[in-house]
Amino acid sequence: MDEEFTRDLNILKGEFDKEKREIDMSHNMEKRELIDMIDTFDEETKERLDALKEAFNNDWERIKNENVEELESMKHELVKKIEDLDTNFEQNFNKYLSETETWS
C-alpha cells in the first residue's frame, strides 16, 4: 500500500510539474506578446506625437514669419506716413514763412 501511494504520488507530482511548466510557458508567451503589443503601441504613439510636434513647429514658424512680414510692412507704411507728414509740414512751414515775410 505504501508503494502504491508513493507511485501514485510520484505520478500526480509529475503531472502537476508538467502542467505547471505548461502554464509557466503559456504565461511567459502571453507576457511576451503583451510586452510586444505595449512596445508597438508606445512606438506608434511616439511617432504620432513626433508628427504632431513637427506640424506644430511648422505652423508656429509659418505664423511667426507671417507676423514678421506683416510687422515689416506696417513699419514701412508708418515710415512712409511720417515722411509724408514731415514733407507736408516743411511745405506748410515754408509757405507760412514766405507769407509772413511779405507782411513784415
PDB file of N, CA and C in Angstrom:
ATOM      1  N   MET A   1       0.804  -1.181   0.000  1.00  0.00           N
ATOM      2  CA  MET A   1       0.000   0.000   0.000  1.00  0.00           C
ATOM      3  C   MET A   1       0.861   1.264   0.000  1.00  0.00           C
ATOM      4  N   ASP A   2       1.923   1.231   0.764  1.00  0.00           N
ATOM      5  CA  ASP A   2       2.836   2.376   0.809  1.00  0.00           C
ATOM      6  C   ASP A   2       3.486   2.603  -0.552  1.00  0.00           C
ATOM      7  N   GLU A   3       3.853   1.496  -1.222  1.00  0.00           N
ATOM      8  CA  GLU A   3       4.465   1.618  -2.559  1.00  0.00           C
ATOM      9  C   GLU A   3       3.458   2.179  -3.558  1.00  0.00           C
ATOM     10  N   GLU A   4       2.247   1.722  -3.464  1.00  0.00           N
ATOM     11  CA  GLU A   4       1.214   2.206  -4.383  1.00  0.00           C
ATOM     12  C   GLU A   4       0.958   3.708  -4.165  1.00  0.00           C
ATOM     13  N   PHE A   5       0.934   4.113  -2.887  1.00  0.00           N
ATOM     14  CA  PHE A   5       0.744   5.520  -2.560  1.00  0.00           C
ATOM     15  C   PHE A   5       1.891   6.359  -3.108  1.00  0.00           C
ATOM     16  N   THR A   6       3.130   5.887  -2.899  1.00  0.00           N
ATOM     17  CA  THR A   6       4.314   6.606  -3.383  1.00  0.00           C
ATOM     18  C   THR A   6       4.276   6.698  -4.898  1.00  0.00           C
ATOM     19  N   ARG A   7       3.937   5.593  -5.568  1.00  0.00           N
ATOM     20  CA  ARG A   7       3.857   5.592  -7.032  1.00  0.00           C
ATOM     21  C   ARG A   7       2.792   6.579  -7.493  1.00  0.00           C
ATOM     22  N   ASP A   8       1.588   6.545  -6.892  1.00  0.00           N
ATOM     23  CA  ASP A   8       0.526   7.484  -7.267  1.00  0.00           C
ATOM     24  C   ASP A   8       0.938   8.937  -6.990  1.00  0.00           C
ATOM     25  N   LEU A   9       1.630   9.116  -5.855  1.00  0.00           N
ATOM     26  CA  LEU A   9       2.112  10.459  -5.501  1.00  0.00           C
ATOM     27  C   LEU A   9       3.102  10.953  -6.552  1.00  0.00           C
ATOM     28  N   ASN A  10       4.030  10.103  -6.963  1.00  0.00           N
ATOM     29  CA  ASN A  10       5.015  10.473  -7.980  1.00  0.00           C
ATOM     30  C   ASN A  10       4.340  10.772  -9.317  1.00  0.00           C
ATOM     31  N   ILE A  11       3.321   9.993  -9.677  1.00  0.00           N
ATOM     32  CA  ILE A  11       2.582  10.232 -10.924  1.00  0.00           C
ATOM     33  C   ILE A  11       1.884  11.594 -10.857  1.00  0.00           C
ATOM     34  N   LEU A  12       1.189  11.835  -9.745  1.00  0.00           N
ATOM     35  CA  LEU A  12       0.494  13.120  -9.575  1.00  0.00           C
ATOM     36  C   LEU A  12       1.485  14.293  -9.558  1.00  0.00           C
ATOM     37  N   LYS A  13       2.607  14.071  -8.886  1.00  0.00           N
ATOM     38  CA  LYS A  13       3.631  15.109  -8.825  1.00  0.00           C
ATOM     39  C   LYS A  13       4.189  15.396 -10.217  1.00  0.00           C
ATOM     40  N   GLY A  14       4.436  14.364 -10.981  1.00  0.00           N
ATOM     41  CA  GLY A  14       4.927  14.528 -12.353  1.00  0.00           C
ATOM     42  C   GLY A  14       3.920  15.274 -13.220  1.00  0.00           C
ATOM     43  N   GLU A  15       2.640  14.854 -13.106  1.00  0.00           N
ATOM     44  CA  GLU A  15       1.604  15.525 -13.883  1.00  0.00           C
ATOM     45  C   GLU A  15       1.475  16.990 -13.454  1.00  0.00           C
ATOM     46  N   PHE A  16       1.559  17.221 -12.150  1.00  0.00           N
ATOM     47  CA  PHE A  16       1.481  18.586 -11.636  1.00  0.00           C
ATOM     48  C   PHE A  16       2.642  19.431 -12.160  1.00  0.00           C
ATOM     49  N   ASP A  17       3.862  18.896 -12.077  1.00  0.00           N
ATOM     50  CA  ASP A  17       5.041  19.626 -12.562  1.00  0.00           C
ATOM     51  C   ASP A  17       4.932  19.910 -14.062  1.00  0.00           C
ATOM     52  N   LYS A  18       4.445  18.918 -14.833  1.00  0.00           N
ATOM     53  CA  LYS A  18       4.276  19.099 -16.273  1.00  0.00           C
ATOM     54  C   LYS A  18       3.251  20.213 -16.540  1.00  0.00           C
ATOM     55  N   GLU A  19       2.123  20.165 -15.836  1.00  0.00           N
ATOM     56  CA  GLU A  19       1.099  21.183 -16.027  1.00  0.00           C
ATOM     57  C   GLU A  19       1.602  22.556 -15.596  1.00  0.00           C
ATOM     58  N   LYS A  20       2.384  22.580 -14.517  1.00  0.00           N
ATOM     59  CA  LYS A  20       2.953  23.840 -14.034  1.00  0.00           C
ATOM     60  C   LYS A  20       3.892  24.429 -15.079  1.00  0.00           C
ATOM     61  N   ARG A  21       4.745  23.594 -15.688  1.00  0.00           N
ATOM     62  CA  ARG A  21       5.655  24.063 -16.739  1.00  0.00           C
ATOM     63  C   ARG A  21       4.873  24.609 -17.935  1.00  0.00           C
ATOM     64  N   GLU A  22       3.800  23.892 -18.315  1.00  0.00           N
ATOM     65  CA  GLU A  22       2.978  24.343 -19.444  1.00  0.00           C
ATOM     66  C   GLU A  22       2.323  25.695 -19.134  1.00  0.00           C
ATOM     67  N   ILE A  23       1.832  25.828 -17.902  1.00  0.00           N
ATOM     68  CA  ILE A  23       1.210  27.099 -17.501  1.00  0.00           C
ATOM     69  C   ILE A  23       2.252  28.217 -17.489  1.00  0.00           C
ATOM     70  N   ASP A  24       3.437  27.904 -16.945  1.00  0.00           N
ATOM     71  CA  ASP A  24       4.522  28.900 -16.924  1.00  0.00           C
ATOM     72  C   ASP A  24       4.913  29.310 -18.346  1.00  0.00           C
ATOM     73  N   MET A  25       5.035  28.320 -19.240  1.00  0.00           N
ATOM     74  CA  MET A  25       5.402  28.619 -20.624  1.00  0.00           C
ATOM     75  C   MET A  25       4.316  29.466 -21.279  1.00  0.00           C
ATOM     76  N   SER A  26       3.057  29.084 -21.073  1.00  0.00           N
ATOM     77  CA  SER A  26       1.940  29.838 -21.643  1.00  0.00           C
ATOM     78  C   SER A  26       1.921  31.268 -21.086  1.00  0.00           C
ATOM     79  N   HIS A  27       2.143  31.388 -19.804  1.00  0.00           N
ATOM     80  CA  HIS A  27       2.175  32.708 -19.158  1.00  0.00           C
ATOM     81  C   HIS A  27       3.304  33.559 -19.745  1.00  0.00           C
ATOM     82  N   ASN A  28       4.476  32.972 -19.885  1.00  0.00           N
ATOM     83  CA  ASN A  28       5.618  33.706 -20.427  1.00  0.00           C
ATOM     84  C   ASN A  28       5.372  34.142 -21.877  1.00  0.00           C
ATOM     85  N   MET A  29       4.744  33.244 -22.674  1.00  0.00           N
ATOM     86  CA  MET A  29       4.438  33.609 -24.059  1.00  0.00           C
ATOM     87  C   MET A  29       3.425  34.760 -24.106  1.00  0.00           C
ATOM     88  N   GLU A  30       2.379  34.668 -23.307  1.00  0.00           N
ATOM     89  CA  GLU A  30       1.382  35.735 -23.268  1.00  0.00           C
ATOM     90  C   GLU A  30       1.993  37.033 -22.766  1.00  0.00           C
ATOM     91  N   LYS A  31       2.872  36.918 -21.789  1.00  0.00           N
ATOM     92  CA  LYS A  31       3.547  38.097 -21.249  1.00  0.00           C
ATOM     93  C   LYS A  31       4.400  38.759 -22.333  1.00  0.00           C
ATOM     94  N   ARG A  32       5.148  37.956 -23.103  1.00  0.00           N
ATOM     95  CA  ARG A  32       5.965  38.491 -24.199  1.00  0.00           C
ATOM     96  C   ARG A  32       5.091  39.154 -25.252  1.00  0.00           C
ATOM     97  N   GLU A  33       3.965  38.509 -25.584  1.00  0.00           N
ATOM     98  CA  GLU A  33       3.050  39.088 -26.566  1.00  0.00           C
ATOM     99  C   GLU A  33       2.519  40.443 -26.088  1.00  0.00           C
ATOM    100  N   LEU A  34       2.137  40.507 -24.807  1.00  0.00           N
ATOM    101  CA  LEU A  34       1.636  41.772 -24.267  1.00  0.00           C
ATOM    102  C   LEU A  34       2.722  42.842 -24.242  1.00  0.00           C
ATOM    103  N   ILE A  35       3.925  42.460 -23.889  1.00  0.00           N
ATOM    104  CA  ILE A  35       5.040  43.418 -23.891  1.00  0.00           C
ATOM    105  C   ILE A  35       5.288  43.922 -25.308  1.00  0.00           C
ATOM    106  N   ASP A  36       5.240  42.999 -26.288  1.00  0.00           N
ATOM    107  CA  ASP A  36       5.405  43.413 -27.685  1.00  0.00           C
ATOM    108  C   ASP A  36       4.290  44.374 -28.107  1.00  0.00           C
ATOM    109  N   MET A  37       3.055  44.080 -27.687  1.00  0.00           N
ATOM    110  CA  MET A  37       1.940  44.956 -28.024  1.00  0.00           C
ATOM    111  C   MET A  37       2.132  46.339 -27.397  1.00  0.00           C
ATOM    112  N   ILE A  38       2.559  46.363 -26.162  1.00  0.00           N
ATOM    113  CA  ILE A  38       2.797  47.641 -25.479  1.00  0.00           C
ATOM    114  C   ILE A  38       3.914  48.410 -26.169  1.00  0.00           C
ATOM    115  N   ASP A  39       4.997  47.706 -26.530  1.00  0.00           N
ATOM    116  CA  ASP A  39       6.105  48.369 -27.231  1.00  0.00           C
ATOM    117  C   ASP A  39       5.645  48.936 -28.571  1.00  0.00           C
ATOM    118  N   THR A  40       4.840  48.165 -29.292  1.00  0.00           N
ATOM    119  CA  THR A  40       4.312  48.633 -30.575  1.00  0.00           C
ATOM    120  C   THR A  40       3.437  49.862 -30.375  1.00  0.00           C
ATOM    121  N   PHE A  41       2.578  49.811 -29.379  1.00  0.00           N
ATOM    122  CA  PHE A  41       1.716  50.951 -29.071  1.00  0.00           C
ATOM    123  C   PHE A  41       2.551  52.173 -28.710  1.00  0.00           C
ATOM    124  N   ASP A  42       3.585  51.972 -27.875  1.00  0.00           N
ATOM    125  CA  ASP A  42       4.467  53.083 -27.494  1.00  0.00           C
ATOM    126  C   ASP A  42       5.157  53.687 -28.707  1.00  0.00           C
ATOM    127  N   GLU A  43       5.636  52.847 -29.612  1.00  0.00           N
ATOM    128  CA  GLU A  43       6.305  53.336 -30.820  1.00  0.00           C
ATOM    129  C   GLU A  43       5.334  54.130 -31.687  1.00  0.00           C
ATOM    130  N   GLU A  44       4.136  53.584 -31.889  1.00  0.00           N
ATOM    131  CA  GLU A  44       3.142  54.277 -32.710  1.00  0.00           C
ATOM    132  C   GLU A  44       2.749  55.609 -32.078  1.00  0.00           C
ATOM    133  N   THR A  45       2.584  55.606 -30.763  1.00  0.00           N
ATOM    134  CA  THR A  45       2.226  56.832 -30.059  1.00  0.00           C
ATOM    135  C   THR A  45       3.342  57.859 -30.173  1.00  0.00           C
ATOM    136  N   LYS A  46       4.576  57.411 -30.038  1.00  0.00           N
ATOM    137  CA  LYS A  46       5.722  58.322 -30.165  1.00  0.00           C
ATOM    138  C   LYS A  46       5.798  58.895 -31.571  1.00  0.00           C
ATOM    139  N   GLU A  47       5.560  58.060 -32.587  1.00  0.00           N
ATOM    140  CA  GLU A  47       5.574  58.541 -33.969  1.00  0.00           C
ATOM    141  C   GLU A  47       4.482  59.583 -34.185  1.00  0.00           C
ATOM    142  N   ARG A  48       3.285  59.316 -33.661  1.00  0.00           N
ATOM    143  CA  ARG A  48       2.191  60.278 -33.804  1.00  0.00           C
ATOM    144  C   ARG A  48       2.517  61.583 -33.086  1.00  0.00           C
ATOM    145  N   LEU A  49       3.076  61.454 -31.890  1.00  0.00           N
ATOM    146  CA  LEU A  49       3.439  62.631 -31.111  1.00  0.00           C
ATOM    147  C   LEU A  49       4.518  63.442 -31.826  1.00  0.00           C
ATOM    148  N   ASP A  50       5.513  62.750 -32.374  1.00  0.00           N
ATOM    149  CA  ASP A  50       6.564  63.443 -33.126  1.00  0.00           C
ATOM    150  C   ASP A  50       5.988  64.162 -34.336  1.00  0.00           C
ATOM    151  N   ALA A  51       5.051  63.524 -35.022  1.00  0.00           N
ATOM    152  CA  ALA A  51       4.416  64.147 -36.198  1.00  0.00           C
ATOM    153  C   ALA A  51       3.622  65.380 -35.770  1.00  0.00           C
ATOM    154  N   LEU A  52       2.909  65.284 -34.658  1.00  0.00           N
ATOM    155  CA  LEU A  52       2.149  66.428 -34.161  1.00  0.00           C
ATOM    156  C   LEU A  52       3.068  67.569 -33.746  1.00  0.00           C
ATOM    157  N   LYS A  53       4.177  67.227 -33.091  1.00  0.00           N
ATOM    158  CA  LYS A  53       5.141  68.257 -32.694  1.00  0.00           C
ATOM    159  C   LYS A  53       5.733  68.946 -33.918  1.00  0.00           C
ATOM    160  N   GLU A  54       6.059  68.159 -34.927  1.00  0.00           N
ATOM    161  CA  GLU A  54       6.620  68.734 -36.150  1.00  0.00           C
ATOM    162  C   GLU A  54       5.600  69.639 -36.836  1.00  0.00           C
ATOM    163  N   ALA A  55       4.355  69.207 -36.902  1.00  0.00           N
ATOM    164  CA  ALA A  55       3.306  70.036 -37.510  1.00  0.00           C
ATOM    165  C   ALA A  55       3.125  71.324 -36.715  1.00  0.00           C
ATOM    166  N   PHE A  56       3.138  71.218 -35.394  1.00  0.00           N
ATOM    167  CA  PHE A  56       3.007  72.402 -34.548  1.00  0.00           C
ATOM    168  C   PHE A  56       4.158  73.365 -34.794  1.00  0.00           C
ATOM    169  N   ASN A  57       5.391  72.829 -34.804  1.00  0.00           N
ATOM    170  CA  ASN A  57       6.556  73.687 -35.023  1.00  0.00           C
ATOM    171  C   ASN A  57       6.526  74.342 -36.400  1.00  0.00           C
ATOM    172  N   ASN A  58       6.084  73.600 -37.418  1.00  0.00           N
ATOM    173  CA  ASN A  58       5.981  74.173 -38.756  1.00  0.00           C
ATOM    174  C   ASN A  58       4.949  75.298 -38.791  1.00  0.00           C
ATOM    175  N   ASP A  59       3.794  75.046 -38.182  1.00  0.00           N
ATOM    176  CA  ASP A  59       2.758  76.079 -38.133  1.00  0.00           C
ATOM    177  C   ASP A  59       3.237  77.299 -37.351  1.00  0.00           C
ATOM    178  N   TRP A  60       3.906  77.053 -36.241  1.00  0.00           N
ATOM    179  CA  TRP A  60       4.416  78.146 -35.414  1.00  0.00           C
ATOM    180  C   TRP A  60       5.412  78.995 -36.207  1.00  0.00           C
ATOM    181  N   GLU A  61       6.330  78.362 -36.917  1.00  0.00           N
ATOM    182  CA  GLU A  61       7.308  79.085 -37.735  1.00  0.00           C
ATOM    183  C   GLU A  61       6.608  79.877 -38.835  1.00  0.00           C
ATOM    184  N   ARG A  62       5.641  79.263 -39.491  1.00  0.00           N
ATOM    185  CA  ARG A  62       4.912  79.928 -40.568  1.00  0.00           C
ATOM    186  C   ARG A  62       4.202  81.162 -40.039  1.00  0.00           C
ATOM    187  N   ILE A  63       3.512  81.011 -38.917  1.00  0.00           N
ATOM    188  CA  ILE A  63       2.781  82.135 -38.326  1.00  0.00           C
ATOM    189  C   ILE A  63       3.755  83.224 -37.881  1.00  0.00           C
ATOM    190  N   LYS A  64       4.858  82.816 -37.290  1.00  0.00           N
ATOM    191  CA  LYS A  64       5.859  83.786 -36.856  1.00  0.00           C
ATOM    192  C   LYS A  64       6.391  84.579 -38.053  1.00  0.00           C
ATOM    193  N   ASN A  65       6.692  83.878 -39.132  1.00  0.00           N
ATOM    194  CA  ASN A  65       7.197  84.548 -40.321  1.00  0.00           C
ATOM    195  C   ASN A  65       6.151  85.486 -40.918  1.00  0.00           C
ATOM    196  N   GLU A  66       4.897  85.039 -40.934  1.00  0.00           N
ATOM    197  CA  GLU A  66       3.824  85.907 -41.427  1.00  0.00           C
ATOM    198  C   GLU A  66       3.727  87.160 -40.570  1.00  0.00           C
ATOM    199  N   ASN A  67       3.830  86.998 -39.261  1.00  0.00           N
ATOM    200  CA  ASN A  67       3.746  88.150 -38.371  1.00  0.00           C
ATOM    201  C   ASN A  67       4.921  89.091 -38.585  1.00  0.00           C
ATOM    202  N   VAL A  68       6.108  88.552 -38.787  1.00  0.00           N
ATOM    203  CA  VAL A  68       7.280  89.387 -39.036  1.00  0.00           C
ATOM    204  C   VAL A  68       7.086  90.160 -40.334  1.00  0.00           C
ATOM    205  N   GLU A  69       6.600  89.491 -41.355  1.00  0.00           N
ATOM    206  CA  GLU A  69       6.356  90.165 -42.634  1.00  0.00           C
ATOM    207  C   GLU A  69       5.314  91.265 -42.474  1.00  0.00           C
ATOM    208  N   GLU A  70       4.256  90.964 -41.741  1.00  0.00           N
ATOM    209  CA  GLU A  70       3.212  91.954 -41.523  1.00  0.00           C
ATOM    210  C   GLU A  70       3.752  93.144 -40.733  1.00  0.00           C
ATOM    211  N   LEU A  71       4.556  92.880 -39.717  1.00  0.00           N
ATOM    212  CA  LEU A  71       5.139  93.969 -38.929  1.00  0.00           C
ATOM    213  C   LEU A  71       6.067  94.829 -39.783  1.00  0.00           C
ATOM    214  N   GLU A  72       6.858  94.194 -40.622  1.00  0.00           N
ATOM    215  CA  GLU A  72       7.748  94.944 -41.508  1.00  0.00           C
ATOM    216  C   GLU A  72       6.949  95.811 -42.466  1.00  0.00           C
ATOM    217  N   SER A  73       5.876  95.277 -42.999  1.00  0.00           N
ATOM    218  CA  SER A  73       5.015  96.034 -43.908  1.00  0.00           C
ATOM    219  C   SER A  73       4.414  97.239 -43.189  1.00  0.00           C
ATOM    220  N   MET A  74       3.917  97.019 -41.984  1.00  0.00           N
ATOM    221  CA  MET A  74       3.346  98.115 -41.204  1.00  0.00           C
ATOM    222  C   MET A  74       4.403  99.159 -40.870  1.00  0.00           C
ATOM    223  N   LYS A  75       5.599  98.715 -40.571  1.00  0.00           N
ATOM    224  CA  LYS A  75       6.701  99.639 -40.258  1.00  0.00           C
ATOM    225  C   LYS A  75       7.004 100.521 -41.463  1.00  0.00           C
ATOM    226  N   HIS A  76       7.065  99.917 -42.651  1.00  0.00           N
ATOM    227  CA  HIS A  76       7.334 100.688 -43.860  1.00  0.00           C
ATOM    228  C   HIS A  76       6.204 101.690 -44.140  1.00  0.00           C
ATOM    229  N   GLU A  77       4.963 101.267 -43.911  1.00  0.00           N
ATOM    230  CA  GLU A  77       3.825 102.173 -44.097  1.00  0.00           C
ATOM    231  C   GLU A  77       3.928 103.356 -43.138  1.00  0.00           C
ATOM    232  N   LEU A  78       4.277 103.087 -41.879  1.00  0.00           N
ATOM    233  CA  LEU A  78       4.402 104.173 -40.903  1.00  0.00           C
ATOM    234  C   LEU A  78       5.540 105.118 -41.258  1.00  0.00           C
ATOM    235  N   VAL A  79       6.654 104.563 -41.690  1.00  0.00           N
ATOM    236  CA  VAL A  79       7.781 105.407 -42.090  1.00  0.00           C
ATOM    237  C   VAL A  79       7.359 106.294 -43.264  1.00  0.00           C
ATOM    238  N   LYS A  80       6.645 105.733 -44.226  1.00  0.00           N
ATOM    239  CA  LYS A  80       6.172 106.497 -45.384  1.00  0.00           C
ATOM    240  C   LYS A  80       5.235 107.608 -44.928  1.00  0.00           C
ATOM    241  N   LYS A  81       4.306 107.301 -44.002  1.00  0.00           N
ATOM    242  CA  LYS A  81       3.385 108.319 -43.493  1.00  0.00           C
ATOM    243  C   LYS A  81       4.137 109.423 -42.758  1.00  0.00           C
ATOM    244  N   ILE A  82       5.129 109.040 -41.980  1.00  0.00           N
ATOM    245  CA  ILE A  82       5.931 110.042 -41.256  1.00  0.00           C
ATOM    246  C   ILE A  82       6.666 110.934 -42.244  1.00  0.00           C
ATOM    247  N   GLU A  83       7.231 110.324 -43.271  1.00  0.00           N
ATOM    248  CA  GLU A  83       7.925 111.130 -44.287  1.00  0.00           C
ATOM    249  C   GLU A  83       6.957 112.064 -44.997  1.00  0.00           C
ATOM    250  N   ASP A  84       5.756 111.580 -45.326  1.00  0.00           N
ATOM    251  CA  ASP A  84       4.754 112.419 -45.974  1.00  0.00           C
ATOM    252  C   ASP A  84       4.343 113.574 -45.067  1.00  0.00           C
ATOM    253  N   LEU A  85       4.127 113.251 -43.780  1.00  0.00           N
ATOM    254  CA  LEU A  85       3.758 114.308 -42.825  1.00  0.00           C
ATOM    255  C   LEU A  85       4.886 115.319 -42.666  1.00  0.00           C
ATOM    256  N   ASP A  86       6.108 114.837 -42.624  1.00  0.00           N
ATOM    257  CA  ASP A  86       7.264 115.724 -42.499  1.00  0.00           C
ATOM    258  C   ASP A  86       7.371 116.640 -43.715  1.00  0.00           C
ATOM    259  N   THR A  87       7.184 116.052 -44.895  1.00  0.00           N
ATOM    260  CA  THR A  87       7.226 116.847 -46.128  1.00  0.00           C
ATOM    261  C   THR A  87       6.098 117.887 -46.126  1.00  0.00           C
ATOM    262  N   ASN A  88       4.912 117.465 -45.763  1.00  0.00           N
ATOM    263  CA  ASN A  88       3.765 118.371 -45.695  1.00  0.00           C
ATOM    264  C   ASN A  88       4.034 119.499 -44.689  1.00  0.00           C
ATOM    265  N   PHE A  89       4.573 119.133 -43.541  1.00  0.00           N
ATOM    266  CA  PHE A  89       4.896 120.137 -42.530  1.00  0.00           C
ATOM    267  C   PHE A  89       5.912 121.136 -43.070  1.00  0.00           C
ATOM    268  N   GLU A  90       6.968 120.634 -43.692  1.00  0.00           N
ATOM    269  CA  GLU A  90       8.007 121.512 -44.258  1.00  0.00           C
ATOM    270  C   GLU A  90       7.402 122.458 -45.289  1.00  0.00           C
ATOM    271  N   GLN A  91       6.549 121.958 -46.154  1.00  0.00           N
ATOM    272  CA  GLN A  91       5.924 122.800 -47.175  1.00  0.00           C
ATOM    273  C   GLN A  91       5.057 123.880 -46.536  1.00  0.00           C
ATOM    274  N   ASN A  92       4.246 123.475 -45.582  1.00  0.00           N
ATOM    275  CA  ASN A  92       3.372 124.447 -44.923  1.00  0.00           C
ATOM    276  C   ASN A  92       4.169 125.448 -44.098  1.00  0.00           C
ATOM    277  N   PHE A  93       5.215 124.988 -43.473  1.00  0.00           N
ATOM    278  CA  PHE A  93       6.057 125.894 -42.699  1.00  0.00           C
ATOM    279  C   PHE A  93       6.734 126.907 -43.624  1.00  0.00           C
ATOM    280  N   ASN A  94       7.286 126.430 -44.737  1.00  0.00           N
ATOM    281  CA  ASN A  94       7.918 127.340 -45.693  1.00  0.00           C
ATOM    282  C   ASN A  94       6.887 128.323 -46.271  1.00  0.00           C
ATOM    283  N   LYS A  95       5.686 127.848 -46.539  1.00  0.00           N
ATOM    284  CA  LYS A  95       4.624 128.707 -47.036  1.00  0.00           C
ATOM    285  C   LYS A  95       4.289 129.768 -45.996  1.00  0.00           C
ATOM    286  N   TYR A  96       4.195 129.331 -44.746  1.00  0.00           N
ATOM    287  CA  TYR A  96       3.929 130.272 -43.658  1.00  0.00           C
ATOM    288  C   TYR A  96       5.014 131.334 -43.578  1.00  0.00           C
ATOM    289  N   LEU A  97       6.285 130.874 -43.640  1.00  0.00           N
ATOM    290  CA  LEU A  97       7.402 131.820 -43.562  1.00  0.00           C
ATOM    291  C   LEU A  97       7.362 132.818 -44.719  1.00  0.00           C
ATOM    292  N   SER A  98       7.096 132.324 -45.892  1.00  0.00           N
ATOM    293  CA  SER A  98       7.068 133.229 -47.049  1.00  0.00           C
ATOM    294  C   SER A  98       5.903 134.225 -46.952  1.00  0.00           C
ATOM    295  N   GLU A  99       4.774 133.773 -46.441  1.00  0.00           N
ATOM    296  CA  GLU A  99       3.622 134.667 -46.292  1.00  0.00           C
ATOM    297  C   GLU A  99       3.840 135.698 -45.201  1.00  0.00           C
ATOM    298  N   THR A 100       4.490 135.297 -44.140  1.00  0.00           N
ATOM    299  CA  THR A 100       4.728 136.234 -43.028  1.00  0.00           C
ATOM    300  C   THR A 100       5.860 137.190 -43.360  1.00  0.00           C
ATOM    301  N   GLU A 101       6.783 136.822 -44.234  1.00  0.00           N
ATOM    302  CA  GLU A 101       7.852 137.730 -44.638  1.00  0.00           C
ATOM    303  C   GLU A 101       7.292 138.894 -45.440  1.00  0.00           C
ATOM    304  N   THR A 102       6.322 138.629 -46.229  1.00  0.00           N
ATOM    305  CA  THR A 102       5.741 139.694 -47.048  1.00  0.00           C
ATOM    306  C   THR A 102       4.985 140.684 -46.190  1.00  0.00           C
ATOM    307  N   TRP A 103       4.535 140.308 -45.026  1.00  0.00           N
ATOM    308  CA  TRP A 103       3.819 141.217 -44.144  1.00  0.00           C
ATOM    309  C   TRP A 103       4.766 142.145 -43.404  1.00  0.00           C
ATOM    310  N   SER A 104       6.024 141.698 -43.254  1.00  0.00           N
ATOM    311  CA  SER A 104       6.940 142.490 -42.467  1.00  0.00           C
ATOM    312  C   SER A 104       7.512 143.677 -43.154  1.00  0.00           C
TER     313      SER A 104
END
